[in-house]
Amino acid sequence: MGSSALILAGGKGSRLGYQEKALVDINGKPLIAFVIESLEKAADNIIVSVRDTAQGELLDSVLSGHEYRFAYDICKDTGPLAGILSGMLICEDEYCFVAACDMPFINEDVIKMLFRESEHYDAAIPRWDDGFLEPLHAVYRCEPMIKETREAIEKGETIILAPVFRLDVNYVSVDRIKSIDPDLRTFMNINTYKDIETYKDIERLSK
């Protein structure tokens, strides 16, 4: 069974001066390149969701050496649901891992675990002890996710969890994920300039 991974790259960072998050520089490499390199080890096909062709051309210019396809938003002002819908509509595999573009340390073994945990479910989503979910670090079965995402958008429900709550989900305890990734770096994301400096240090030390 083949597998796909979808990177949501259409957003800009409000706390980063509204620059392209995907292009944030981490020690000379764009942030999205770290994400793609991790996903290439765990999925057969990579899809990058972007706002439009202009953004696609911009990312293309810095991502030489990687194989991926672009999915262009087919609806506006619906946040990450737009990227999820457009990406899954061109996905040719039954299941797809969905990730934000600002997670430079996604763990390939965690992704593989989530693919296994998604079998016979509509999704496998990490859940923390306090109930907090990680819907943008999760595996979805494309057919039901497309259906529920479309319905959510039509109803004006644009939060990421709107379609999720209508799926048959296997919630995977973060404690189990910690056995694979003890520091849980797989969930780390970049939202502020301070985060950028922190992750630059982590990336240097991990070499």
C-alpha atoms as a PDB file:
ATOM      1  CA  MET A   1       0.000   0.000   0.000  1.00  0.00           C
ATOM      2  CA  GLY A   2       1.418   3.376  -1.027  1.00  0.00           C
ATOM      3  CA  SER A   3       1.451   6.377   1.255  1.00  0.00           C
ATOM      4  CA  SER A   4       1.412  10.126   0.770  1.00  0.00           C
ATOM      5  CA  ALA A   5       2.351  13.119   2.880  1.00  0.00           C
ATOM      6  CA  LEU A   6       0.811  16.564   2.557  1.00  0.00           C
ATOM      7  CA  ILE A   7       2.631  19.697   3.708  1.00  0.00           C
ATOM      8  CA  LEU A   8       0.463  22.751   4.365  1.00  0.00           C
ATOM      9  CA  ALA A   9       2.615  25.644   3.166  1.00  0.00           C
ATOM     10  CA  GLY A  10       0.011  28.279   2.329  1.00  0.00           C
ATOM     11  CA  GLY A  11       0.127  30.273   5.557  1.00  0.00           C
ATOM     12  CA  LYS A  12       2.203  33.259   6.608  1.00  0.00           C
ATOM     13  CA  GLY A  13       3.500  33.794  10.139  1.00  0.00           C
ATOM     14  CA  SER A  14       1.686  36.665  11.868  1.00  0.00           C
ATOM     15  CA  ARG A  15       4.335  36.707  14.606  1.00  0.00           C
ATOM     16  CA  LEU A  16       7.090  36.569  11.988  1.00  0.00           C
ATOM     17  CA  GLY A  17       6.126  39.734  10.160  1.00  0.00           C
ATOM     18  CA  TYR A  18       3.792  37.819   7.818  1.00  0.00           C
ATOM     19  CA  GLN A  19       6.718  36.340   5.921  1.00  0.00           C
ATOM     20  CA  GLU A  20       6.464  32.991   4.162  1.00  0.00           C
ATOM     21  CA  LYS A  21       6.850  30.487   6.981  1.00  0.00           C
ATOM     22  CA  ALA A  22       8.006  27.801   4.563  1.00  0.00           C
ATOM     23  CA  LEU A  23      11.004  29.952   3.606  1.00  0.00           C
ATOM     24  CA  VAL A  24      12.217  30.821   7.114  1.00  0.00           C
ATOM     25  CA  ASP A  25      15.985  30.277   7.097  1.00  0.00           C
ATOM     26  CA  ILE A  26      17.364  27.643   9.469  1.00  0.00           C
ATOM     27  CA  ASN A  27      21.149  27.588   9.203  1.00  0.00           C
ATOM     28  CA  GLY A  28      21.125  28.270   5.481  1.00  0.00           C
ATOM     29  CA  LYS A  29      18.224  25.980   4.576  1.00  0.00           C
ATOM     30  CA  PRO A  30      14.533  26.875   4.132  1.00  0.00           C
ATOM     31  CA  LEU A  31      12.274  25.482   6.826  1.00  0.00           C
ATOM     32  CA  ILE A  32      10.157  23.483   4.392  1.00  0.00           C
ATOM     33  CA  ALA A  33      13.241  21.598   3.162  1.00  0.00           C
ATOM     34  CA  PHE A  34      13.648  20.037   6.629  1.00  0.00           C
ATOM     35  CA  VAL A  35      10.016  18.929   6.546  1.00  0.00           C
ATOM     36  CA  ILE A  36      10.301  17.404   3.070  1.00  0.00           C
ATOM     37  CA  GLU A  37      13.507  15.550   3.963  1.00  0.00           C
ATOM     38  CA  SER A  38      11.789  13.927   6.943  1.00  0.00           C
ATOM     39  CA  LEU A  39       8.670  13.010   4.998  1.00  0.00           C
ATOM     40  CA  GLU A  40      10.623  11.521   2.099  1.00  0.00           C
ATOM     41  CA  LYS A  41      11.837   8.824   4.493  1.00  0.00           C
ATOM     42  CA  ALA A  42       8.334   7.830   5.553  1.00  0.00           C
ATOM     43  CA  ALA A  43       6.021   8.393   2.563  1.00  0.00           C
ATOM     44  CA  ASP A  44       6.116   7.465  -1.109  1.00  0.00           C
ATOM     45  CA  ASN A  45       4.615  10.681  -2.450  1.00  0.00           C
ATOM     46  CA  ILE A  46       4.926  14.287  -1.278  1.00  0.00           C
ATOM     47  CA  ILE A  47       2.286  16.951  -1.907  1.00  0.00           C
ATOM     48  CA  VAL A  48       2.858  20.607  -1.024  1.00  0.00           C
ATOM     49  CA  SER A  49      -0.261  22.720  -0.599  1.00  0.00           C
ATOM     50  CA  VAL A  50       0.182  26.376  -1.612  1.00  0.00           C
ATOM     51  CA  ARG A  51      -2.062  29.407  -2.033  1.00  0.00           C
ATOM     52  CA  ASP A  52      -1.460  29.946  -5.744  1.00  0.00           C
ATOM     53  CA  THR A  53       0.992  29.478  -8.620  1.00  0.00           C
ATOM     54  CA  ALA A  54       3.079  32.470  -7.526  1.00  0.00           C
ATOM     55  CA  GLN A  55       3.802  30.872  -4.159  1.00  0.00           C
ATOM     56  CA  GLY A  56       4.453  27.555  -5.880  1.00  0.00           C
ATOM     57  CA  GLU A  57       7.067  29.126  -8.146  1.00  0.00           C
ATOM     58  CA  LEU A  58       8.709  30.761  -5.133  1.00  0.00           C
ATOM     59  CA  LEU A  59       9.016  27.448  -3.282  1.00  0.00           C
ATOM     60  CA  ASP A  60      10.116  25.646  -6.437  1.00  0.00           C
ATOM     61  CA  SER A  61      13.080  27.996  -6.679  1.00  0.00           C
ATOM     62  CA  VAL A  62      14.531  26.799  -3.353  1.00  0.00           C
ATOM     63  CA  LEU A  63      13.599  23.105  -3.395  1.00  0.00           C
ATOM     64  CA  SER A  64      15.809  21.598  -6.066  1.00  0.00           C
ATOM     65  CA  GLY A  65      16.603  17.915  -5.609  1.00  0.00           C
ATOM     66  CA  HIS A  66      13.235  16.970  -4.125  1.00  0.00           C
ATOM     67  CA  GLU A  67      10.256  15.286  -5.777  1.00  0.00           C
ATOM     68  CA  TYR A  68       6.826  16.668  -4.932  1.00  0.00           C
ATOM     69  CA  ARG A  69       3.612  17.953  -6.461  1.00  0.00           C
ATOM     70  CA  PHE A  70       1.846  21.210  -5.729  1.00  0.00           C
ATOM     71  CA  ALA A  71      -1.813  21.455  -4.790  1.00  0.00           C
ATOM     72  CA  TYR A  72      -3.325  24.913  -5.215  1.00  0.00           C
ATOM     73  CA  ASP A  73      -6.033  26.217  -2.885  1.00  0.00           C
ATOM     74  CA  ILE A  74      -9.465  25.879  -4.438  1.00  0.00           C
ATOM     75  CA  CYS A  75     -11.184  28.005  -1.800  1.00  0.00           C
ATOM     76  CA  LYS A  76     -10.085  31.123   0.052  1.00  0.00           C
ATOM     77  CA  ASP A  77     -10.216  32.287   3.660  1.00  0.00           C
ATOM     78  CA  THR A  78     -10.743  28.819   5.095  1.00  0.00           C
ATOM     79  CA  GLY A  79      -7.352  28.398   6.780  1.00  0.00           C
ATOM     80  CA  PRO A  80      -5.669  24.990   6.741  1.00  0.00           C
ATOM     81  CA  LEU A  81      -8.850  23.262   5.580  1.00  0.00           C
ATOM     82  CA  ALA A  82      -8.311  24.779   2.118  1.00  0.00           C
ATOM     83  CA  GLY A  83      -4.896  23.163   1.885  1.00  0.00           C
ATOM     84  CA  ILE A  84      -6.114  19.843   3.225  1.00  0.00           C
ATOM     85  CA  LEU A  85      -8.963  19.699   0.728  1.00  0.00           C
ATOM     86  CA  SER A  86      -6.890  20.691  -2.307  1.00  0.00           C
ATOM     87  CA  GLY A  87      -4.070  18.338  -1.323  1.00  0.00           C
ATOM     88  CA  MET A  88      -6.227  15.302  -0.675  1.00  0.00           C
ATOM     89  CA  LEU A  89      -8.139  15.811  -3.908  1.00  0.00           C
ATOM     90  CA  ILE A  90      -4.954  15.087  -5.873  1.00  0.00           C
ATOM     91  CA  CYS A  91      -3.677  12.386  -3.511  1.00  0.00           C
ATOM     92  CA  GLU A  92      -3.584   8.988  -5.212  1.00  0.00           C
ATOM     93  CA  ASP A  93      -3.090   6.945  -2.035  1.00  0.00           C
ATOM     94  CA  GLU A  94      -5.734   5.837   0.444  1.00  0.00           C
ATOM     95  CA  TYR A  95      -4.009   7.420   3.434  1.00  0.00           C
ATOM     96  CA  CYS A  96      -2.157  10.699   3.774  1.00  0.00           C
ATOM     97  CA  PHE A  97      -0.024  12.159   6.558  1.00  0.00           C
ATOM     98  CA  VAL A  98      -0.749  15.872   7.045  1.00  0.00           C
ATOM     99  CA  ALA A  99       1.824  18.249   8.491  1.00  0.00           C
ATOM    100  CA  ALA A 100       2.328  21.969   8.893  1.00  0.00           C
ATOM    101  CA  CYS A 101       5.336  23.448   7.084  1.00  0.00           C
ATOM    102  CA  ASP A 102       6.822  24.836  10.311  1.00  0.00           C
ATOM    103  CA  MET A 103       7.771  21.518  11.949  1.00  0.00           C
ATOM    104  CA  PRO A 104      11.466  20.962  11.135  1.00  0.00           C
ATOM    105  CA  PHE A 105      12.033  17.888  13.304  1.00  0.00           C
ATOM    106  CA  ILE A 106       9.208  15.556  12.273  1.00  0.00           C
ATOM    107  CA  ASN A 107      10.249  12.029  13.190  1.00  0.00           C
ATOM    108  CA  GLU A 108      10.002   9.506  10.358  1.00  0.00           C
ATOM    109  CA  ASP A 109       9.408   6.605  12.757  1.00  0.00           C
ATOM    110  CA  VAL A 110       6.518   8.462  14.373  1.00  0.00           C
ATOM    111  CA  ILE A 111       4.964   8.974  10.937  1.00  0.00           C
ATOM    112  CA  LYS A 112       5.307   5.274  10.146  1.00  0.00           C
ATOM    113  CA  MET A 113       3.683   4.434  13.479  1.00  0.00           C
ATOM    114  CA  LEU A 114       0.736   6.731  12.703  1.00  0.00           C
ATOM    115  CA  PHE A 115       0.260   5.083   9.318  1.00  0.00           C
ATOM    116  CA  ARG A 116       0.059   1.701  11.067  1.00  0.00           C
ATOM    117  CA  GLU A 117      -2.340   3.049  13.685  1.00  0.00           C
ATOM    118  CA  SER A 118      -4.640   4.477  11.009  1.00  0.00           C
ATOM    119  CA  GLU A 119      -5.489   1.088   9.510  1.00  0.00           C
ATOM    120  CA  HIS A 120      -9.237   0.363   9.783  1.00  0.00           C
ATOM    121  CA  TYR A 121      -9.845   3.966  10.936  1.00  0.00           C
ATOM    122  CA  ASP A 122     -10.491   7.278   9.203  1.00  0.00           C
ATOM    123  CA  ALA A 123      -7.557   8.877  11.015  1.00  0.00           C
ATOM    124  CA  ALA A 124      -4.783   8.426  13.571  1.00  0.00           C
ATOM    125  CA  ILE A 125      -4.214  11.581  15.592  1.00  0.00           C
ATOM    126  CA  PRO A 126      -1.799  12.102  18.513  1.00  0.00           C
ATOM    127  CA  ARG A 127      -3.476  13.111  21.777  1.00  0.00           C
ATOM    128  CA  TRP A 128      -1.780  14.591  24.842  1.00  0.00           C
ATOM    129  CA  ASP A 129      -2.752  13.638  28.401  1.00  0.00           C
ATOM    130  CA  ASP A 130      -4.757  16.875  28.764  1.00  0.00           C
ATOM    131  CA  GLY A 131      -6.806  16.010  25.677  1.00  0.00           C
ATOM    132  CA  PHE A 132      -5.002  18.390  23.313  1.00  0.00           C
ATOM    133  CA  LEU A 133      -4.869  16.996  19.776  1.00  0.00           C
ATOM    134  CA  GLU A 134      -2.251  17.268  17.025  1.00  0.00           C
ATOM    135  CA  PRO A 135      -4.430  17.341  13.869  1.00  0.00           C
ATOM    136  CA  LEU A 136      -1.597  18.813  11.792  1.00  0.00           C
ATOM    137  CA  HIS A 137       0.701  15.921  12.647  1.00  0.00           C
ATOM    138  CA  ALA A 138      -1.683  13.109  11.795  1.00  0.00           C
ATOM    139  CA  VAL A 139      -2.691  10.506   9.220  1.00  0.00           C
ATOM    140  CA  TYR A 140      -6.073  10.634   7.473  1.00  0.00           C
ATOM    141  CA  ARG A 141      -7.949   8.372   5.108  1.00  0.00           C
ATOM    142  CA  CYS A 142      -8.519  10.659   2.158  1.00  0.00           C
ATOM    143  CA  GLU A 143     -12.058   9.755   1.109  1.00  0.00           C
ATOM    144  CA  PRO A 144     -13.868  10.486   4.403  1.00  0.00           C
ATOM    145  CA  MET A 145     -11.618  13.460   5.174  1.00  0.00           C
ATOM    146  CA  ILE A 146     -12.422  15.051   1.808  1.00  0.00           C
ATOM    147  CA  LYS A 147     -16.147  14.544   2.407  1.00  0.00           C
ATOM    148  CA  GLU A 148     -16.130  15.993   5.914  1.00  0.00           C
ATOM    149  CA  THR A 149     -13.795  18.863   5.018  1.00  0.00           C
ATOM    150  CA  ARG A 150     -16.030  19.916   2.145  1.00  0.00           C
ATOM    151  CA  GLU A 151     -19.050  19.810   4.427  1.00  0.00           C
ATOM    152  CA  ALA A 152     -17.287  21.852   7.107  1.00  0.00           C
ATOM    153  CA  ILE A 153     -16.249  24.530   4.601  1.00  0.00           C
ATOM    154  CA  GLU A 154     -19.769  24.718   3.163  1.00  0.00           C
ATOM    155  CA  LYS A 155     -21.104  25.298   6.685  1.00  0.00           C
ATOM    156  CA  GLY A 156     -18.512  28.005   7.366  1.00  0.00           C
ATOM    157  CA  GLU A 157     -16.701  25.843   9.931  1.00  0.00           C
ATOM    158  CA  THR A 158     -13.052  26.626   9.236  1.00  0.00           C
ATOM    159  CA  ILE A 159     -11.287  25.296  12.333  1.00  0.00           C
ATOM    160  CA  ILE A 160      -9.146  22.245  11.629  1.00  0.00           C
ATOM    161  CA  LEU A 161     -11.061  20.062  14.092  1.00  0.00           C
ATOM    162  CA  ALA A 162     -14.456  20.659  12.436  1.00  0.00           C
ATOM    163  CA  PRO A 163     -14.147  17.679  10.061  1.00  0.00           C
ATOM    164  CA  VAL A 164     -12.045  15.634  12.480  1.00  0.00           C
ATOM    165  CA  PHE A 165     -14.829  15.269  15.028  1.00  0.00           C
ATOM    166  CA  ARG A 166     -16.980  13.588  12.380  1.00  0.00           C
ATOM    167  CA  LEU A 167     -14.400  10.908  11.614  1.00  0.00           C
ATOM    168  CA  ASP A 168     -13.734   7.500  13.153  1.00  0.00           C
ATOM    169  CA  VAL A 169     -10.439   8.398  14.811  1.00  0.00           C
ATOM    170  CA  ASN A 170      -7.801   6.311  16.543  1.00  0.00           C
ATOM    171  CA  TYR A 171      -6.383   8.719  19.117  1.00  0.00           C
ATOM    172  CA  VAL A 172      -2.754   7.795  19.744  1.00  0.00           C
ATOM    173  CA  SER A 173      -1.351   8.642  23.170  1.00  0.00           C
ATOM    174  CA  VAL A 174       1.636  10.973  23.091  1.00  0.00           C
ATOM    175  CA  ASP A 175       3.155   8.733  25.781  1.00  0.00           C
ATOM    176  CA  ARG A 176       3.442   5.998  23.143  1.00  0.00           C
ATOM    177  CA  ILE A 177       5.062   8.431  20.739  1.00  0.00           C
ATOM    178  CA  LYS A 178       7.536   9.405  23.448  1.00  0.00           C
ATOM    179  CA  SER A 179       8.906   5.856  23.348  1.00  0.00           C
ATOM    180  CA  ILE A 180      10.004   6.603  19.776  1.00  0.00           C
ATOM    181  CA  ASP A 181      10.886  10.289  20.175  1.00  0.00           C
ATOM    182  CA  PRO A 182      11.775  10.871  23.864  1.00  0.00           C
ATOM    183  CA  ASP A 183      12.095  14.662  23.521  1.00  0.00           C
ATOM    184  CA  LEU A 184       8.958  14.889  21.356  1.00  0.00           C
ATOM    185  CA  ARG A 185      10.768  17.111  18.909  1.00  0.00           C
ATOM    186  CA  THR A 186       8.455  15.790  16.221  1.00  0.00           C
ATOM    187  CA  PHE A 187       5.770  18.225  17.470  1.00  0.00           C
ATOM    188  CA  MET A 188       7.999  21.302  17.705  1.00  0.00           C
ATOM    189  CA  ASN A 189       6.981  24.169  15.463  1.00  0.00           C
ATOM    190  CA  ILE A 190       8.153  27.670  14.683  1.00  0.00           C
ATOM    191  CA  ASN A 191       5.928  30.636  15.501  1.00  0.00           C
ATOM    192  CA  THR A 192       8.273  33.379  16.725  1.00  0.00           C
ATOM    193  CA  TYR A 193      11.735  34.771  16.080  1.00  0.00           C
ATOM    194  CA  LYS A 194      12.810  33.236  19.403  1.00  0.00           C
ATOM    195  CA  ASP A 195      11.708  29.834  18.107  1.00  0.00           C
ATOM    196  CA  ILE A 196      13.890  30.312  15.037  1.00  0.00           C
ATOM    197  CA  GLU A 197      16.997  30.898  17.147  1.00  0.00           C
ATOM    198  CA  THR A 198      16.158  27.956  19.425  1.00  0.00           C
ATOM    199  CA  TYR A 199      15.751  25.587  16.488  1.00  0.00           C
ATOM    200  CA  LYS A 200      18.907  26.836  14.816  1.00  0.00           C
ATOM    201  CA  ASP A 201      20.783  25.740  17.954  1.00  0.00           C
ATOM    202  CA  ILE A 202      19.007  22.364  18.060  1.00  0.00           C
ATOM    203  CA  GLU A 203      19.699  21.725  14.380  1.00  0.00           C
ATOM    204  CA  ARG A 204      23.396  22.538  14.788  1.00  0.00           C
ATOM    205  CA  LEU A 205      23.724  20.251  17.813  1.00  0.00           C
ATOM    206  CA  SER A 206      21.914  17.390  16.071  1.00  0.00           C
ATOM    207  CA  LYS A 207      24.489  17.167  13.278  1.00  0.00           C
END
